[in-house]
Structures are given as structure tokens and as C-alpha cells.
């Protein structure tokens, strides 16, 4: 069983301080060559962390809320990453705080991708779900679907993992070259995704977390909260999550 939150938060936090890495603080940052993070730090308004993989086919993961997208674009530009350079945008899931701003990039000709189960959720439940937050669901065409397996982007190869639980079609991405794990709202620093939204399932979330915990990751890049760096810190995080959420 996984505890549920009654609030509008996206996940459940263990009542301990998250692992912090001082040199990673800020609104934008270059983590490594071709690896950029745009963490959302405000406590006044909810939004997601966004990530960019550069190179010959730049990829953006989770653009966040539409009314906050200028913050993301400004941060990208400070790193030399222009909106018009982005070739593909991947949504880990279609909740508004991760997906709504995809329309800005789609209008600029950026290709869009997500898991087919998540588009099914969007078509069947999305309008009502967005309406519950006083928002309109983005009217965009998904260019292609992501299935579990390898995704080749120019010279780079990512691994796609189907990780439902927080949302029925949620995915996580793993970049073996950098040992970077992008988890969306499946798992955070000292927390897990909530399961009381439509399509949520605590048992599926447990299975998804246990699969991700087996990966050889040096970066845990989640949809909210702090970035975790270092294999030992990441494994400690998974261990704490297992003890606090998955063992009862």
C-alpha cells in the first residue's frame, strides 16, 4: 500500500531532508556535456523540473505549465539552447504541470512523443482532469508513440521504461552514456508519486519503482524536487523509499 495525499501535490515525501548538492542549486544548470536541468524552485506555485539532452537531435523532457513556459525558455537560452533548436519533446506523462506547455513547442514545429497508454488516458479522461484544475487540455497531435525499448536520437541512444502507477501511461528514460535516469513523477528525492489521481495504481507504482532501482544510475532526475547525484546516494534514496513506502 502507498499512502495518498489529499492535496494537489504531485508526490509523497518522506519527512527527512532531501539529498542536496550545493553546486546544483539554481534555476538552470549544465550537469554534464549535453545534459541540462531546469529545476522548478518556487514554493508558491507548482510546476515540474524540465531536462534537455543536447547534441545533433536536441530533446526536451517535460516542458511544464503553459503560463510558466517563458521561465523555461529563458533558462534554456542562457545555456545557449534555443526553442527553435529543439527537435523532439517527450512527456513522461500528461498531467498539466508536465505537459501543458507542449503546445508552445508543437506550434514551433517540434515533434512530440509519449506512451500510447498515456494518450489513451488523455483522450478518455484528460479533458475532465484538466477541467478539475480550471485548465483546457492542449489540443495537439502526438507525432509518434514511445514503447519500452531503445530510442535512437542521432548519435545518442536512450532506453524507455514503461513505468505506470502515478499515471497509466507514465514512462521513465535512462541515458546509459551518462547513467542519467529521468523518472517523471514515479520517484523523487525522498518521495514517490501520488496514486489518487485518475488512473493511479499503487501496486503498479511499486513495481515501477523496483524496476528503476535496479538501474546503474549516477543521476536521478525527477519531475519535482532535488536532483540526486552519485550511485550511493541514489541507492540510499531507493532504500529509504522501500522502507517507508514499499514494505507495508
Protein backbone atom coordinates (compact mmCIF):
# COMPACT_ATOMS: atom_id res chain seq x y z
CA UNK A 1 0.00 0.00 0.00
CA UNK A 2 1.19 3.53 -0.79
CA UNK A 3 -0.07 6.45 1.28
CA UNK A 4 -2.08 9.08 -0.56
CA UNK A 5 -2.09 12.82 -0.28
CA UNK A 6 -5.31 14.86 -0.18
CA UNK A 7 -3.61 17.98 -1.53
CA UNK A 8 -2.70 18.99 -5.08
CA UNK A 9 0.94 17.99 -4.60
CA UNK A 10 2.38 15.56 -7.15
CA UNK A 11 4.03 13.17 -4.73
CA UNK A 12 4.57 11.93 -1.22
CA UNK A 13 7.63 12.99 0.75
CA UNK A 14 9.50 11.17 3.48
CA UNK A 15 9.81 13.56 6.44
CA UNK A 16 13.59 13.87 6.08
CA UNK A 17 15.72 16.43 4.28
CA UNK A 18 16.41 15.58 0.64
CA UNK A 19 19.91 14.94 -0.56
CA UNK A 20 21.27 18.33 -1.59
CA UNK A 21 24.24 19.13 -3.76
CA UNK A 22 25.09 22.83 -3.39
CA UNK A 23 26.70 23.28 -6.79
CA UNK A 24 23.45 22.14 -8.40
CA UNK A 25 21.27 24.87 -6.95
CA UNK A 26 19.70 27.43 -9.28
CA UNK A 27 17.06 27.87 -11.96
CA UNK A 28 19.13 26.34 -14.76
CA UNK A 29 22.30 24.31 -14.90
CA UNK A 30 24.57 22.30 -17.13
CA UNK A 31 25.09 18.97 -15.39
CA UNK A 32 27.40 17.41 -17.95
CA UNK A 33 28.14 17.66 -21.65
CA UNK A 34 24.79 17.76 -23.48
CA UNK A 35 22.87 17.31 -20.20
CA UNK A 36 20.93 20.27 -18.79
CA UNK A 37 18.45 20.63 -15.93
CA UNK A 38 15.85 23.36 -15.42
CA UNK A 39 14.54 22.71 -11.91
CA UNK A 40 11.46 24.45 -10.61
CA UNK A 41 12.31 26.02 -7.25
CA UNK A 42 9.30 28.17 -6.37
CA UNK A 43 7.25 27.13 -3.34
CA UNK A 44 4.42 29.47 -4.34
CA UNK A 45 3.32 27.65 -7.48
CA UNK A 46 3.55 24.06 -8.71
CA UNK A 47 5.49 23.22 -11.85
CA UNK A 48 7.82 20.43 -12.92
CA UNK A 49 11.53 20.13 -13.47
CA UNK A 50 12.47 20.07 -17.16
CA UNK A 51 15.52 18.45 -18.72
CA UNK A 52 17.33 18.86 -22.01
CA UNK A 53 19.62 16.46 -23.84
CA UNK A 54 21.68 18.30 -26.43
CA UNK A 55 23.65 17.11 -29.42
CA UNK A 56 22.66 16.56 -33.02
CA UNK A 57 18.99 15.98 -32.12
CA UNK A 58 18.18 18.06 -29.02
CA UNK A 59 15.47 16.59 -26.81
CA UNK A 60 13.39 18.31 -24.12
CA UNK A 61 11.71 16.26 -21.39
CA UNK A 62 8.56 17.67 -19.71
CA UNK A 63 8.01 21.37 -20.55
CA UNK A 64 5.74 22.13 -17.58
CA UNK A 65 2.84 24.58 -17.32
CA UNK A 66 1.96 26.83 -20.23
CA UNK A 67 1.83 30.08 -18.24
CA UNK A 68 5.32 29.36 -16.86
CA UNK A 69 6.99 28.24 -20.07
CA UNK A 70 8.80 31.58 -20.54
CA UNK A 71 10.87 30.75 -17.45
CA UNK A 72 11.97 27.53 -19.11
CA UNK A 73 12.71 29.17 -22.47
CA UNK A 74 14.72 31.95 -20.80
CA UNK A 75 16.75 29.40 -18.84
CA UNK A 76 17.40 27.39 -21.97
CA UNK A 77 18.59 30.49 -23.82
CA UNK A 78 21.07 31.29 -21.04
CA UNK A 79 22.60 27.88 -21.74
CA UNK A 80 22.64 28.53 -25.48
CA UNK A 81 19.66 26.24 -26.12
CA UNK A 82 17.06 27.96 -28.28
CA UNK A 83 13.45 26.84 -28.66
CA UNK A 84 13.92 26.54 -32.42
CA UNK A 85 16.83 24.13 -31.92
CA UNK A 86 14.70 21.53 -30.09
CA UNK A 87 13.84 18.62 -32.37
CA UNK A 88 11.79 16.43 -30.05
CA UNK A 89 9.81 16.84 -26.85
CA UNK A 90 8.94 13.84 -24.68
CA UNK A 91 6.28 13.93 -21.97
CA UNK A 92 6.76 11.43 -19.17
CA UNK A 93 3.01 11.79 -18.60
CA UNK A 94 0.22 14.26 -19.45
CA UNK A 95 -0.59 15.85 -16.10
CA UNK A 96 -0.81 19.63 -16.61
CA UNK A 97 2.33 20.53 -14.65
CA UNK A 98 4.39 18.38 -17.02
CA UNK A 99 2.53 18.52 -20.32
CA UNK A 100 0.53 21.72 -20.75
CA UNK A 101 3.35 23.80 -22.32
CA UNK A 102 3.95 21.19 -25.00
CA UNK A 103 1.66 23.29 -27.18
CA UNK A 104 4.24 26.10 -27.33
CA UNK A 105 6.84 23.73 -28.75
CA UNK A 106 4.41 21.90 -31.04
CA UNK A 107 3.39 25.21 -32.63
CA UNK A 108 7.08 25.82 -33.35
CA UNK A 109 7.29 22.53 -35.25
CA UNK A 110 8.87 20.41 -32.52
CA UNK A 111 7.94 16.72 -32.72
CA UNK A 112 6.00 15.35 -29.74
CA UNK A 113 6.06 11.87 -28.23
CA UNK A 114 4.56 9.92 -25.33
CA UNK A 115 3.40 6.42 -24.48
CA UNK A 116 0.19 5.25 -26.24
CA UNK A 117 -1.46 4.39 -22.91
CA UNK A 118 -0.94 7.99 -21.84
CA UNK A 119 -2.55 9.35 -24.99
CA UNK A 120 -5.48 6.98 -24.36
CA UNK A 121 -5.75 8.42 -20.85
CA UNK A 122 -5.57 11.93 -22.29
CA UNK A 123 -8.35 11.23 -24.80
CA UNK A 124 -10.64 9.46 -22.34
CA UNK A 125 -10.04 11.40 -19.12
CA UNK A 126 -7.80 14.34 -19.93
CA UNK A 127 -10.41 16.98 -20.62
CA UNK A 128 -12.21 16.28 -17.35
CA UNK A 129 -8.90 16.05 -15.46
CA UNK A 130 -7.64 19.38 -16.80
CA UNK A 131 -11.04 20.94 -16.16
CA UNK A 132 -10.78 19.98 -12.49
CA UNK A 133 -7.78 22.34 -12.29
CA UNK A 134 -9.55 25.08 -14.29
CA UNK A 135 -7.43 24.40 -17.40
CA UNK A 136 -8.04 23.44 -21.00
CA UNK A 137 -6.36 20.32 -22.28
CA UNK A 138 -3.80 21.13 -25.00
CA UNK A 139 -5.13 20.44 -28.48
CA UNK A 140 -2.11 18.91 -30.15
CA UNK A 141 -1.29 15.96 -32.36
CA UNK A 142 1.15 13.44 -30.93
CA UNK A 143 3.68 12.70 -33.66
CA UNK A 144 4.74 9.26 -32.51
CA UNK A 145 4.41 6.80 -29.65
CA UNK A 146 7.12 5.59 -27.31
CA UNK A 147 7.23 1.92 -26.40
CA UNK A 148 9.57 0.24 -23.96
CA UNK A 149 12.98 -0.30 -25.54
CA UNK A 150 15.69 1.70 -27.22
CA UNK A 151 15.18 5.15 -28.69
CA UNK A 152 17.93 6.34 -31.05
CA UNK A 153 18.34 10.10 -31.38
CA UNK A 154 21.15 10.82 -33.80
CA UNK A 155 24.34 9.63 -32.11
CA UNK A 156 22.61 9.04 -28.76
CA UNK A 157 20.65 6.03 -27.54
CA UNK A 158 18.13 6.24 -24.69
CA UNK A 159 16.21 3.45 -23.02
CA UNK A 160 12.48 3.89 -22.49
CA UNK A 161 10.83 2.20 -19.50
CA UNK A 162 7.06 1.86 -19.14
CA UNK A 163 6.51 2.88 -15.50
CA UNK A 164 2.79 3.21 -14.74
CA UNK A 165 1.35 3.87 -11.30
CA UNK A 166 1.29 7.63 -10.92
CA UNK A 167 -0.35 7.80 -14.35
CA UNK A 168 -1.44 4.87 -16.55
CA UNK A 169 1.00 5.59 -19.38
CA UNK A 170 3.90 7.09 -17.47
CA UNK A 171 7.39 6.48 -18.80
CA UNK A 172 10.91 6.91 -17.45
CA UNK A 173 14.04 7.40 -19.55
CA UNK A 174 17.57 6.16 -18.97
CA UNK A 175 20.62 7.52 -20.79
CA UNK A 176 23.33 4.87 -20.35
CA UNK A 177 26.16 7.11 -21.59
CA UNK A 178 25.64 9.49 -18.65
CA UNK A 179 23.93 6.96 -16.36
CA UNK A 180 21.13 9.53 -16.13
CA UNK A 181 17.68 8.38 -15.03
CA UNK A 182 14.68 10.63 -15.76
CA UNK A 183 11.78 9.45 -13.60
CA UNK A 184 8.96 11.94 -14.11
CA UNK A 185 6.66 11.58 -11.11
CA UNK A 186 7.42 7.93 -10.39
CA UNK A 187 10.06 8.61 -7.76
CA UNK A 188 11.70 11.71 -6.27
CA UNK A 189 14.41 12.55 -3.79
CA UNK A 190 12.89 11.07 -0.63
CA UNK A 191 9.44 10.61 -2.13
CA UNK A 192 7.17 8.81 -4.59
CA UNK A 193 4.39 9.83 -6.94
CA UNK A 194 0.87 10.01 -5.62
CA UNK A 195 -1.68 7.46 -6.82
CA UNK A 196 -5.03 9.09 -6.08
CA UNK A 197 -5.34 10.85 -9.43
CA UNK A 198 -7.43 9.12 -12.15
CA UNK A 199 -5.55 6.12 -13.47
CA UNK A 200 -3.25 5.90 -10.46
CA UNK A 201 -2.37 2.48 -9.08
CA UNK A 202 -0.22 1.88 -6.00
CA UNK A 203 0.74 -1.67 -6.92
CA UNK A 204 1.89 -0.64 -10.39
CA UNK A 205 3.86 2.25 -8.91
CA UNK A 206 5.61 -0.14 -6.53
CA UNK A 207 6.59 -2.38 -9.44
CA UNK A 208 7.82 0.59 -11.46
CA UNK A 209 9.99 1.89 -8.62
CA UNK A 210 11.51 -1.53 -8.01
CA UNK A 211 12.45 -1.81 -11.71
CA UNK A 212 14.09 1.62 -11.76
CA UNK A 213 16.02 0.85 -8.56
CA UNK A 214 17.93 -1.88 -10.42
CA UNK A 215 19.44 0.53 -12.96
CA UNK A 216 23.04 1.72 -12.72
CA UNK A 217 22.33 5.44 -12.26
CA UNK A 218 24.64 8.30 -11.33
CA UNK A 219 21.97 10.97 -11.81
CA UNK A 220 18.38 10.74 -10.56
CA UNK A 221 16.50 13.46 -12.43
CA UNK A 222 12.93 13.53 -11.16
CA UNK A 223 9.92 15.60 -12.09
CA UNK A 224 9.96 17.60 -8.84
CA UNK A 225 12.37 18.41 -6.06
CA UNK A 226 16.11 17.97 -5.79
CA UNK A 227 18.46 16.24 -8.19
CA UNK A 228 20.38 13.32 -6.68
CA UNK A 229 23.94 12.71 -7.86
CA UNK A 230 26.03 9.63 -7.18
CA UNK A 231 25.18 5.94 -7.25
CA UNK A 232 25.42 5.51 -3.48
CA UNK A 233 23.07 8.45 -2.83
CA UNK A 234 20.59 7.16 -5.40
CA UNK A 235 20.61 3.66 -3.96
CA UNK A 236 20.19 5.11 -0.46
CA UNK A 237 17.19 7.05 -1.74
CA UNK A 238 15.61 3.91 -3.20
CA UNK A 239 16.34 2.02 0.00
CA UNK A 240 14.67 4.71 2.14
CA UNK A 241 11.67 4.74 -0.19
CA UNK A 242 11.44 0.97 0.05
CA UNK A 243 11.48 1.09 3.84
CA UNK A 244 9.00 3.94 4.16
CA UNK A 245 6.55 3.18 1.35
CA UNK A 246 7.02 -0.20 -0.27
CA UNK A 247 7.47 -2.52 2.70
CA UNK A 248 3.93 -2.30 4.08
